[in-house]
Protein backbone atom coordinates (compact mmCIF):
# COMPACT_ATOMS: atom_id res chain seq x y z
CA UNK A 1 169.24 120.76 83.18
CA UNK A 2 169.45 124.44 84.12
CA UNK A 3 172.53 126.12 85.59
CA UNK A 4 171.06 126.48 89.06
CA UNK A 5 169.75 122.90 89.04
CA UNK A 6 173.24 121.67 88.32
CA UNK A 7 174.69 123.90 91.06
CA UNK A 8 172.41 122.49 93.74
CA UNK A 9 172.98 118.94 92.54
CA UNK A 10 176.51 118.86 93.91
CA UNK A 11 175.82 120.57 97.23
CA UNK A 12 175.58 117.32 99.28
CA UNK A 13 179.27 116.64 98.66
CA UNK A 14 180.18 120.15 99.77
CA UNK A 15 177.96 119.92 102.85
CA UNK A 16 179.64 116.61 103.75
CA UNK A 17 183.06 118.24 103.52
CA UNK A 18 181.97 121.21 105.65
CA UNK A 19 180.49 118.87 108.25
CA UNK A 20 183.76 116.95 108.40
CA UNK A 21 185.72 120.17 108.77
CA UNK A 22 183.49 121.23 111.65
CA UNK A 23 184.04 117.92 113.42
CA UNK A 24 180.50 116.71 112.80
CA UNK A 25 181.60 113.56 110.95
CA UNK A 26 184.42 111.19 111.76
CA UNK A 27 186.93 110.37 109.05
CA UNK A 28 188.19 106.79 108.64
CA UNK A 29 191.46 106.27 110.51
CA UNK A 30 192.42 103.00 108.78
CA UNK A 31 195.79 103.59 107.14
CA UNK A 32 194.90 101.07 104.42
CA UNK A 33 192.31 103.54 103.14
CA UNK A 34 194.81 106.39 102.93
CA UNK A 35 197.55 107.29 100.46
CA UNK A 36 201.07 106.83 101.76
CA UNK A 37 201.64 110.58 101.79
CA UNK A 38 199.11 110.68 104.66
CA UNK A 39 199.61 107.27 106.28
CA UNK A 40 203.35 106.60 106.07
CA UNK A 41 205.59 108.78 108.23
CA UNK A 42 208.71 108.07 106.18
CA UNK A 43 206.92 108.98 102.94
CA UNK A 44 205.62 112.19 104.52
CA UNK A 45 209.11 113.11 105.66
CA UNK A 46 210.52 112.64 102.17
CA UNK A 47 207.54 114.25 100.41
CA UNK A 48 206.23 117.16 102.50
CA UNK A 49 202.55 117.99 102.16
CA UNK A 50 201.65 121.46 103.45
CA UNK A 51 198.70 121.96 105.78
CA UNK A 52 196.24 123.81 103.56
CA UNK A 53 193.52 124.06 106.21
CA UNK A 54 194.46 127.60 107.24
CA UNK A 55 192.87 129.00 104.07
CA UNK A 56 189.65 130.94 104.42
CA UNK A 57 188.07 133.37 106.82
CA UNK A 58 189.90 133.55 110.16
CA UNK A 59 192.33 130.78 109.19
CA UNK A 60 189.44 128.36 108.66
CA UNK A 61 188.22 128.22 112.25
CA UNK A 62 185.44 130.84 112.50
CA UNK A 63 182.13 131.18 110.68
CA UNK A 64 181.60 134.19 108.45
CA UNK A 65 179.70 136.76 110.56
CA UNK A 66 176.25 138.13 109.84
CA UNK A 67 176.02 141.93 110.10
CA UNK A 68 172.69 143.02 111.59
CA UNK A 69 173.04 146.82 111.25
CA UNK A 70 171.65 147.62 107.79
CA UNK A 71 171.40 150.58 105.41
CA UNK A 72 168.51 150.23 102.97
CA UNK A 73 169.45 151.43 99.47
CA UNK A 74 165.78 152.38 98.92
CA UNK A 75 166.19 155.21 101.42
CA UNK A 76 168.66 156.80 99.00
CA UNK A 77 166.42 156.45 95.95
CA UNK A 78 167.53 153.12 94.50
CA UNK A 79 164.41 151.46 93.04
CA UNK A 80 164.73 148.10 91.30
CA UNK A 81 162.98 147.25 88.04
CA UNK A 82 162.09 150.84 87.11
CA UNK A 83 164.49 150.98 84.13
CA UNK A 84 166.38 153.97 85.56
CA UNK A 85 170.08 154.10 86.38
CA UNK A 86 170.60 153.56 90.13
CA UNK A 87 174.29 154.53 90.31
CA UNK A 88 173.92 157.84 92.16
CA UNK A 89 171.58 156.34 94.75
CA UNK A 90 173.84 153.35 95.33
CA UNK A 91 176.90 155.58 95.69
CA UNK A 92 175.01 157.66 98.23
CA UNK A 93 174.11 154.56 100.22
CA UNK A 94 177.76 153.46 100.15
CA UNK A 95 178.87 156.92 101.28
CA UNK A 96 176.58 156.60 104.30
CA UNK A 97 178.06 153.18 105.02
CA UNK A 98 181.57 154.62 104.96
CA UNK A 99 180.49 157.30 107.42
CA UNK A 100 179.01 154.75 109.84
CA UNK A 101 180.94 154.15 113.06
CA UNK A 102 180.14 150.42 113.16
CA UNK A 103 179.97 147.44 110.79
CA UNK A 104 177.10 147.88 108.37
CA UNK A 105 175.26 145.89 105.73
CA UNK A 106 174.23 147.79 102.60
CA UNK A 107 171.00 145.98 101.77
CA UNK A 108 169.47 145.69 98.29
CA UNK A 109 165.92 144.53 97.55
CA UNK A 110 164.85 141.89 95.05
CA UNK A 111 164.87 142.96 91.41
CA UNK A 112 167.22 144.54 88.87
CA UNK A 113 169.34 147.63 89.62
CA UNK A 114 171.15 149.44 86.80
CA UNK A 115 174.77 150.33 87.56
CA UNK A 116 177.16 152.44 85.46
CA UNK A 117 179.68 153.45 88.14
CA UNK A 118 182.21 151.58 90.27
CA UNK A 119 181.02 150.72 93.77
CA UNK A 120 184.11 151.36 95.90
CA UNK A 121 184.49 149.69 99.32
CA UNK A 122 187.26 151.49 101.17
CA UNK A 123 186.46 150.89 104.83
CA UNK A 124 186.42 147.84 107.07
CA UNK A 125 183.11 146.37 108.13
CA UNK A 126 181.07 147.04 104.97
CA UNK A 127 178.99 144.26 103.43
CA UNK A 128 177.05 144.55 100.17
CA UNK A 129 174.08 142.23 100.47
CA UNK A 130 171.22 141.28 98.20
CA UNK A 131 168.26 138.92 98.44
CA UNK A 132 169.89 135.98 96.71
CA UNK A 133 171.53 135.08 93.41
CA UNK A 134 168.69 133.00 91.99
CA UNK A 135 165.34 133.82 90.44
CA UNK A 136 163.55 136.40 92.58
CA UNK A 137 166.82 137.63 94.02
CA UNK A 138 168.92 140.77 93.53
CA UNK A 139 170.54 141.60 90.21
CA UNK A 140 173.05 144.35 89.42
CA UNK A 141 172.98 144.95 85.68
CA UNK A 142 175.93 146.78 84.10
CA UNK A 143 175.03 147.92 80.56
CA UNK A 144 178.46 149.44 79.78
CA UNK A 145 182.00 148.09 80.30
CA UNK A 146 184.65 149.62 82.53
CA UNK A 147 186.53 151.12 79.58
CA UNK A 148 183.67 153.65 79.36
CA UNK A 149 183.73 154.47 83.09
CA UNK A 150 186.01 156.79 85.05
CA UNK A 151 188.17 154.89 87.54
CA UNK A 152 189.62 158.06 89.06
CA UNK A 153 193.13 157.17 87.92
CA UNK A 154 193.23 153.84 89.78
CA UNK A 155 194.66 152.03 86.75
CA UNK A 156 197.04 154.75 85.59
CA UNK A 157 200.12 152.88 86.79
CA UNK A 158 199.24 149.71 84.89
CA UNK A 159 198.43 151.73 81.77
CA UNK A 160 201.88 153.36 81.90
CA UNK A 161 203.48 149.98 82.60
CA UNK A 162 201.84 148.40 79.55
CA UNK A 163 202.98 151.20 77.28
CA UNK A 164 206.53 151.41 78.62
CA UNK A 165 207.00 147.64 78.40
CA UNK A 166 205.34 147.31 74.98
CA UNK A 167 202.78 144.80 76.24
CA UNK A 168 200.87 144.14 73.04
CA UNK A 169 198.56 141.36 71.97
CA UNK A 170 199.82 140.56 68.50
CA UNK A 171 198.01 138.10 66.21
CA UNK A 172 199.17 138.77 62.63
CA UNK A 173 196.67 136.37 61.05
CA UNK A 174 193.86 138.37 62.62
CA UNK A 175 195.44 141.75 61.82
CA UNK A 176 195.48 142.42 65.57
CA UNK A 177 198.09 144.52 67.31
CA UNK A 178 196.71 146.26 70.39
CA UNK A 179 198.05 147.22 73.79
CA UNK A 180 197.00 144.78 76.51
CA UNK A 181 193.81 145.77 78.25
CA UNK A 182 194.21 146.82 81.90
CA UNK A 183 190.97 144.93 82.52
CA UNK A 184 192.52 141.56 81.71
CA UNK A 185 193.44 141.04 85.35
CA UNK A 186 192.39 144.26 87.13
CA UNK A 187 189.30 146.28 88.07
CA UNK A 188 185.68 145.45 88.75
CA UNK A 189 182.30 147.11 89.16
CA UNK A 190 182.50 146.23 92.85
CA UNK A 191 186.00 147.18 93.96
CA UNK A 192 187.38 146.77 97.47
CA UNK A 193 190.62 148.54 98.24
CA UNK A 194 192.53 150.41 100.93
CA UNK A 195 191.96 154.15 100.32
CA UNK A 196 194.65 155.45 97.99
CA UNK A 197 196.33 152.05 98.21
CA UNK A 198 198.02 150.43 95.26
CA UNK A 199 195.95 147.52 94.08
CA UNK A 200 199.02 145.92 92.46
CA UNK A 201 202.72 146.58 91.94
CA UNK A 202 204.06 147.31 88.46
CA UNK A 203 206.52 150.20 88.21
CA UNK A 204 209.43 150.21 90.64
CA UNK A 205 209.60 154.00 90.76
CA UNK A 206 206.13 154.05 92.37
CA UNK A 207 207.07 151.61 95.13
CA UNK A 208 206.40 152.88 98.62
CA UNK A 209 208.89 152.26 101.42
CA UNK A 210 208.29 149.01 103.30
CA UNK A 211 207.76 149.65 107.01
CA UNK A 212 209.76 147.01 108.84
CA UNK A 213 208.39 146.11 112.27
CA UNK A 214 211.12 143.73 113.42
CA UNK A 215 213.65 141.31 111.99
CA UNK A 216 213.03 137.57 112.35
CA UNK A 217 216.10 135.66 113.48
CA UNK A 218 214.98 132.07 113.00
CA UNK A 219 212.07 129.83 112.05
CA UNK A 220 211.52 126.44 110.43
CA UNK A 221 209.39 125.84 107.35
CA UNK A 222 205.88 124.57 108.23
CA UNK A 223 206.26 125.56 111.90
CA UNK A 224 204.34 128.36 113.65
CA UNK A 225 207.08 129.61 115.95
CA UNK A 226 209.71 132.20 115.09
CA UNK A 227 212.42 133.94 117.05
CA UNK A 228 212.60 137.70 116.59
CA UNK A 229 215.40 140.13 117.33
CA UNK A 230 213.11 142.48 119.24
CA UNK A 231 209.53 141.65 120.30
CA UNK A 232 208.82 145.03 121.90
CA UNK A 233 207.13 146.34 118.75
CA UNK A 234 204.76 143.36 118.49
CA UNK A 235 201.48 142.63 120.25
CA UNK A 236 199.08 139.73 120.17
CA UNK A 237 196.44 140.23 117.47
CA UNK A 238 198.68 142.21 115.10
CA UNK A 239 198.15 141.27 111.45
CA UNK A 240 201.48 141.69 109.69
CA UNK A 241 203.35 140.40 106.68
CA UNK A 242 206.44 138.23 106.70
CA UNK A 243 208.65 139.23 103.78
CA UNK A 244 211.36 137.16 102.11
CA UNK A 245 213.61 138.78 99.50
CA UNK A 246 215.92 137.18 96.98
CA UNK A 247 219.04 139.33 96.96
CA UNK A 248 221.37 136.52 95.91
CA UNK A 249 220.61 136.18 92.20
CA UNK A 250 219.56 133.08 90.26
CA UNK A 251 221.06 130.67 92.80
CA UNK A 252 219.84 132.45 95.93
CA UNK A 253 218.60 130.36 98.88
CA UNK A 254 215.03 131.61 98.46
CA UNK A 255 215.00 130.41 94.84
CA UNK A 256 216.26 127.04 96.10
CA UNK A 257 213.54 126.94 98.74
CA UNK A 258 210.93 127.81 96.12
CA UNK A 259 212.01 125.32 93.46
CA UNK A 260 214.45 122.85 95.02
CA UNK A 261 217.08 121.34 92.74
CA UNK A 262 214.92 121.55 89.65
CA UNK A 263 216.38 121.63 86.16
CA UNK A 264 213.50 123.81 85.00
CA UNK A 265 214.28 127.29 83.71
CA UNK A 266 213.98 129.96 86.41
CA UNK A 267 212.77 133.29 85.05
CA UNK A 268 214.68 136.52 85.62
CA UNK A 269 211.91 138.23 87.59
CA UNK A 270 212.98 136.09 90.58
CA UNK A 271 216.13 138.18 91.02
CA UNK A 272 215.88 141.37 88.98
CA UNK A 273 213.86 143.31 91.60
CA UNK A 274 215.67 142.44 94.86
CA UNK A 275 214.10 145.28 96.87
CA UNK A 276 210.65 143.81 96.39
CA UNK A 277 209.68 140.79 98.48
CA UNK A 278 209.58 137.69 96.33
CA UNK A 279 207.39 135.90 98.91
CA UNK A 280 204.89 137.50 101.30
CA UNK A 281 202.92 135.81 104.04
CA UNK A 282 200.22 137.76 105.85
CA UNK A 283 199.67 136.30 109.30
CA UNK A 284 198.54 137.17 112.81
CA UNK A 285 200.51 137.24 116.06
CA UNK A 286 198.96 134.64 118.37
CA UNK A 287 201.39 134.61 121.32
CA UNK A 288 204.60 136.27 122.50
CA UNK A 289 206.95 134.66 125.02
CA UNK A 290 210.14 136.68 125.32
CA UNK A 291 211.60 136.72 121.81
CA UNK A 292 209.62 133.64 120.75
CA UNK A 293 206.53 134.50 118.70
CA UNK A 294 203.72 132.17 117.66
CA UNK A 295 201.99 133.04 114.40
CA UNK A 296 198.56 131.94 113.17
CA UNK A 297 199.65 129.75 110.24
CA UNK A 298 202.75 127.74 109.28
CA UNK A 299 205.77 129.42 107.74
CA UNK A 300 206.03 129.18 103.98
CA UNK A 301 209.84 129.02 104.18
CA UNK A 302 212.53 128.66 106.78
CA UNK A 303 214.22 131.75 108.17
CA UNK A 304 217.83 132.08 109.25
CA UNK A 305 221.10 133.83 108.56
CA UNK A 306 221.22 132.47 105.00
CA UNK A 307 217.51 133.08 104.36
CA UNK A 308 216.52 136.24 106.25
CA UNK A 309 213.00 137.59 106.68
CA UNK A 310 211.19 140.26 108.68
CA UNK A 311 207.77 141.37 109.86
CA UNK A 312 206.41 144.41 108.06
CA UNK A 313 203.23 146.40 108.48
CA UNK A 314 200.39 145.61 106.10
CA UNK A 315 197.66 148.12 105.42
CA UNK A 316 194.39 146.29 104.85
CA UNK A 317 190.64 146.22 105.37
CA UNK A 318 188.82 143.58 107.41
CA UNK A 319 185.31 142.10 107.55
CA UNK A 320 184.41 143.22 104.05
CA UNK A 321 181.79 141.11 102.30
CA UNK A 322 179.76 140.77 99.10
CA UNK A 323 176.86 138.34 99.17
CA UNK A 324 173.54 137.10 97.80
CA UNK A 325 173.29 138.78 94.40
CA UNK A 326 173.78 138.38 90.68
CA UNK A 327 176.11 140.53 88.58
CA UNK A 328 174.87 140.50 85.01
CA UNK A 329 176.37 141.99 81.86
CA UNK A 330 174.77 142.22 78.43
CA UNK A 331 175.69 139.64 75.85
CA UNK A 332 178.84 141.03 74.28
CA UNK A 333 181.42 140.02 71.70
CA UNK A 334 184.68 138.36 72.65
CA UNK A 335 187.52 140.61 71.48
CA UNK A 336 190.17 138.07 72.45
CA UNK A 337 192.78 137.36 75.07
CA UNK A 338 194.18 140.50 76.75
CA UNK A 339 191.72 142.64 74.80
CA UNK A 340 188.87 142.70 77.32
CA UNK A 341 186.62 145.77 77.49
CA UNK A 342 186.03 145.54 81.23
CA UNK A 343 182.93 143.51 81.99
CA UNK A 344 184.45 142.45 85.32
CA UNK A 345 182.31 141.68 88.34
CA UNK A 346 184.38 142.04 91.52
CA UNK A 347 187.92 143.23 92.17
CA UNK A 348 188.73 142.24 95.75
CA UNK A 349 191.99 143.75 97.00
CA UNK A 350 193.62 144.70 100.29
CA UNK A 351 191.38 142.58 102.55
CA UNK A 352 192.15 140.28 105.48
CA UNK A 353 189.22 138.27 106.84
CA UNK A 354 186.62 138.96 104.18
CA UNK A 355 184.22 137.02 102.00
CA UNK A 356 182.27 136.80 98.77
CA UNK A 357 179.43 134.27 98.87
CA UNK A 358 176.32 133.29 96.95
CA UNK A 359 177.09 135.36 93.86
CA UNK A 360 176.31 134.65 90.20
CA UNK A 361 178.17 136.42 87.38
CA UNK A 362 176.83 136.25 83.82
CA UNK A 363 178.56 137.28 80.56
CA UNK A 364 181.63 138.65 82.32
CA UNK A 365 185.16 139.18 81.06
CA UNK A 366 186.17 137.98 84.53
CA UNK A 367 183.94 137.05 87.42
CA UNK A 368 186.09 137.76 90.47
CA UNK A 369 189.65 139.08 90.41
CA UNK A 370 191.86 139.22 93.51
CA UNK A 371 195.03 140.91 94.71
CA UNK A 372 196.74 141.49 98.06
CA UNK A 373 194.34 139.36 100.13
CA UNK A 374 194.68 136.99 103.05
CA UNK A 375 192.20 134.67 104.72
CA UNK A 376 189.28 135.38 102.43
CA UNK A 377 186.50 132.87 101.75
CA UNK A 378 184.87 132.91 98.30
CA UNK A 379 181.94 130.48 98.48
CA UNK A 380 179.12 129.30 96.23
CA UNK A 381 179.94 131.27 93.09
CA UNK A 382 178.45 130.62 89.65
CA UNK A 383 179.86 132.03 86.42
CA UNK A 384 177.88 131.52 83.24
CA UNK A 385 177.08 132.78 79.73
CA UNK A 386 178.42 132.18 76.24
CA UNK A 387 181.00 134.96 76.43
CA UNK A 388 184.58 133.69 76.82
CA UNK A 389 185.99 135.05 80.08
CA UNK A 390 189.63 135.52 80.95
CA UNK A 391 189.05 134.19 84.50
CA UNK A 392 186.15 132.76 86.46
CA UNK A 393 187.46 133.30 90.00
CA UNK A 394 191.13 134.27 89.91
CA UNK A 395 193.63 133.75 92.74
CA UNK A 396 196.65 136.05 92.39
CA UNK A 397 199.08 137.68 94.82
CA UNK A 398 197.11 136.33 97.78
CA UNK A 399 197.64 134.07 100.79
CA UNK A 400 195.21 131.62 102.41
CA UNK A 401 192.27 132.26 100.08
CA UNK A 402 189.60 129.53 99.99
CA UNK A 403 187.39 129.26 96.89
CA UNK A 404 184.70 126.74 97.79
CA UNK A 405 181.77 125.53 95.70
CA UNK A 406 182.62 127.38 92.47
CA UNK A 407 180.69 126.30 89.36
CA UNK A 408 181.95 127.44 85.97
CA UNK A 409 179.51 127.07 83.07
CA UNK A 410 180.99 129.69 80.73
CA UNK A 411 184.05 129.21 78.52
CA UNK A 412 187.21 130.70 80.06
CA UNK A 413 190.86 131.11 79.16
CA UNK A 414 191.89 130.23 82.73
CA UNK A 415 189.13 128.44 84.61
CA UNK A 416 190.87 127.75 87.94
CA UNK A 417 193.99 129.90 88.19
CA UNK A 418 196.75 130.04 90.77
CA UNK A 419 198.37 133.21 89.57
CA UNK A 420 201.48 135.25 90.37
CA UNK A 421 202.71 134.97 93.99
CA UNK A 422 199.66 133.14 95.30
CA UNK A 423 200.35 130.87 98.28
CA UNK A 424 198.50 128.35 100.46
CA UNK A 425 195.24 128.94 98.60
CA UNK A 426 192.58 126.37 97.73
CA UNK A 427 189.96 125.61 95.09
CA UNK A 428 187.63 123.18 96.87
CA UNK A 429 184.59 121.39 95.41
CA UNK A 430 184.78 123.32 92.13
CA UNK A 431 182.98 122.04 89.02
CA UNK A 432 184.08 123.27 85.59
CA UNK A 433 181.74 122.37 82.73
CA UNK A 434 183.44 124.18 79.83
CA UNK A 435 187.10 124.56 78.75
CA UNK A 436 188.51 123.45 82.13
CA UNK A 437 192.10 124.37 82.94
CA UNK A 438 194.10 123.93 86.11
CA UNK A 439 196.08 127.07 85.34
CA UNK A 440 199.25 127.44 87.40
CA UNK A 441 200.22 130.75 85.96
CA UNK A 442 203.91 131.06 86.84
CA UNK A 443 205.18 133.84 89.08
CA UNK A 444 206.41 132.06 92.22
CA UNK A 445 202.98 130.70 93.08
CA UNK A 446 203.51 127.72 95.40
CA UNK A 447 201.92 125.54 98.10
CA UNK A 448 198.42 125.77 96.58
CA UNK A 449 195.72 123.09 96.42
CA UNK A 450 193.13 121.85 93.91
CA UNK A 451 190.81 119.87 96.20
CA UNK A 452 187.96 117.59 95.10
CA UNK A 453 187.62 119.40 91.78
CA UNK A 454 185.52 118.04 88.89
CA UNK A 455 186.41 118.94 85.30
CA UNK A 456 184.28 118.03 82.28
CA UNK A 457 186.65 117.49 79.36
CA UNK A 458 186.44 116.65 75.69
CA UNK A 459 189.86 115.70 74.28
CA UNK A 460 191.01 118.02 71.54
CA UNK A 461 194.56 116.75 71.09
CA UNK A 462 196.12 113.42 70.19
CA UNK A 463 199.13 111.84 71.89
CA UNK A 464 201.99 110.44 69.80
CA UNK A 465 200.50 106.93 70.01
CA UNK A 466 197.08 108.13 68.83
CA UNK A 467 195.44 108.25 72.27
CA UNK A 468 192.95 111.11 72.79
CA UNK A 469 194.57 113.85 74.92
CA UNK A 470 193.48 116.93 76.82
CA UNK A 471 195.84 119.65 78.13
CA UNK A 472 194.21 120.10 81.53
CA UNK A 473 197.19 122.00 82.92
CA UNK A 474 197.53 124.44 80.02
CA UNK A 475 198.80 127.58 81.71
CA UNK A 476 199.64 131.19 81.12
CA UNK A 477 202.27 133.50 82.56
CA UNK A 478 205.25 135.42 81.25
CA UNK A 479 208.55 133.70 80.51
CA UNK A 480 210.37 135.85 83.06
CA UNK A 481 208.24 134.19 85.78
CA UNK A 482 208.85 130.54 84.82
CA UNK A 483 208.50 127.78 85.88
CA UNK A 484 204.77 127.16 86.12
CA UNK A 485 204.76 126.90 89.90
CA UNK A 486 206.92 126.35 92.94
CA UNK A 487 207.12 123.35 95.22
CA UNK A 488 204.23 121.46 96.80
CA UNK A 489 201.35 122.59 94.61
CA UNK A 490 198.86 119.75 95.09
CA UNK A 491 195.93 118.25 93.17
CA UNK A 492 193.78 116.02 95.40
CA UNK A 493 190.89 113.89 94.08
CA UNK A 494 190.58 115.62 90.71
CA UNK A 495 187.65 113.97 88.91
CA UNK A 496 188.12 113.96 85.13
CA UNK A 497 184.66 113.50 83.60
CA UNK A 498 185.11 112.79 79.88
CA UNK A 499 182.07 114.14 78.06
CA UNK A 500 182.84 112.62 74.66
CA UNK A 501 185.65 111.53 72.38
CA UNK A 502 186.85 108.44 74.27
CA UNK A 503 185.18 105.05 73.87
CA UNK A 504 183.97 103.13 76.94
CA UNK A 505 186.93 101.36 78.47
CA UNK A 506 189.25 103.62 76.53
CA UNK A 507 192.09 105.80 77.75
CA UNK A 508 192.67 109.55 77.85
CA UNK A 509 196.01 111.29 78.25
CA UNK A 510 195.93 114.23 80.67
CA UNK A 511 198.74 116.58 79.75
CA UNK A 512 200.71 118.91 81.98
CA UNK A 513 203.35 120.01 79.53
CA UNK A 514 205.37 122.54 81.50
CA UNK A 515 204.51 122.77 85.16
CA UNK A 516 206.76 123.12 88.19
CA UNK A 517 208.80 120.95 90.53
CA UNK A 518 207.60 118.76 93.39
CA UNK A 519 203.92 118.78 92.49
CA UNK A 520 201.68 116.34 94.35
CA UNK A 521 198.92 114.57 92.42
CA UNK A 522 196.87 112.16 94.50
CA UNK A 523 193.60 110.47 93.56
CA UNK A 524 193.17 111.72 89.99
CA UNK A 525 190.35 109.59 88.58
CA UNK A 526 187.44 109.70 86.16
CA UNK A 527 185.03 107.81 83.94
CA UNK A 528 187.83 106.73 81.60
CA UNK A 529 191.30 105.32 82.26
CA UNK A 530 193.74 108.22 82.75
CA UNK A 531 197.35 108.30 81.63
CA UNK A 532 199.13 111.33 83.13
CA UNK A 533 201.83 113.08 81.11
CA UNK A 534 203.18 115.69 83.54
CA UNK A 535 206.49 117.56 83.25
CA UNK A 536 208.41 117.72 85.52
CA UNK A 537 207.52 114.41 87.12
CA UNK A 538 205.25 114.87 90.16
CA UNK A 539 204.80 112.83 93.30
CA UNK A 540 201.93 110.60 92.13
CA UNK A 541 199.64 108.28 94.07
CA UNK A 542 196.31 106.61 93.52
CA UNK A 543 196.04 107.40 89.81
CA UNK A 544 192.67 106.15 88.53
CA UNK A 545 191.41 105.72 92.07
CA UNK A 546 189.65 108.33 94.19
CA UNK A 547 190.60 108.72 97.84
CA UNK A 548 187.12 107.94 99.13
CA UNK A 549 188.21 107.97 102.78
CA UNK A 550 189.37 111.58 102.34
CA UNK A 551 187.18 113.29 99.72
CA UNK A 552 188.67 116.67 100.67
CA UNK A 553 192.24 117.13 101.84
CA UNK A 554 191.34 120.59 103.18
CA UNK A 555 188.51 119.15 105.31
CA UNK A 556 190.69 116.27 106.48
CA UNK A 557 193.49 118.60 107.59
CA UNK A 558 191.08 121.04 109.22
CA UNK A 559 189.37 118.22 111.09
CA UNK A 560 192.74 117.03 112.44
CA UNK A 561 193.70 120.56 113.46
CA UNK A 562 190.38 121.23 115.18
């Protein structure tokens, strides 16, 4: 079965979920068909389940737009399939798009284009569009990695950070001692960013002043109403950030809100940089009534005298898209973890209300990397090849990002990763065929959802009683960011498809050796009996039984909200 055949084979499930979300199908209301965390009010009160349905473009309620105004790359000399480098022509077409006064689609033709420069998107309303990701579609072929390409100093800060903090990959048995690659979690051949904006924060001395808009006096977790000290500086439609700081050390109220009364080790990064927000929530002002303000999505944390927060300005792009193309790299050797040469497809940063859809990435070090996003939809992505990637589609330092219909054929270190400071983001209808990991990467990531995910596993460990075992939750992250995640990270209807290594009727142990507090795991099931070994102990329901009445928690919650 080919890659694309397997991709299309699971589309009916995704279409069903989308139809439910749009209100086109009714969901069963019989409480007997629902887990207690949905059906029982007292259970819900004791075990909060966030509303994840605000993830995605325009908080999940609006379709991704089609941009009719087009710039044809052929008019700038980009000719597919002629064997010549198209970089200068493509950069010229992008320059014209940046000079346009209205939203514009930069349109590629079918065939292969050769690219050896970074395609920067630094203005709102620019969409890169091909003719499809399958056979007969558009292919961007990058023959050289990013470590041979000038990034104009964009990664200088991270390079200095790695040197000053002695970030080395050291493997004595392999005679390897090299500085971490800046391409392990940064950069891409298509790179969206605010002009001159910092794509990520590393060195404190480079921090720019935060522009406070107004203080927030009060607000309750999971509500959408806040009281502000002064509403005169706000207007309906503003897209701002809510910032929470931890200025109270290891036992500060924000740490308690993040992790509860856990006995897990809390890493020092949670209090050693008090002037940086520990939690950020990008949101939109929906209504103003005196000093009462309604925001577009529920508060991540409560706000009050003991847990203060404020609105700040957030510089960002909007309506930026990448769609209908393949990004292909040559077959290349795997130099190991944190030693990537820079075969990265997309680096999507500084965007609110954007999208990446119908994109295939082959032989990449990472398919799609993210940073500083909110309300972005990443839909129908395929990553493939024999090269071991660091990430397939990475979610890091973002809020309300929806990754829907991702298929991972290639081996990865972190297949589905909720990374540092990611919140209220969702992997929905993902299928991972090789080396699957539900990577919760430490770094105050919390309130994220794995939704209707299928993982194809072959056990490679053995439990103490001899039962075959697979470490599905094997995670990364630095010790100073422990534990693995904050409260309310949820796994809903995870389908564990055992490929081999467990006899029919046998049992497999799914290991989560060092996760985070107050996880929710509902409906984990598969083709073999599952025993879950998860530390710390999660809220667990419907083990070895799928929630057939609610295939997708995201769709269920969106349907209720709509």
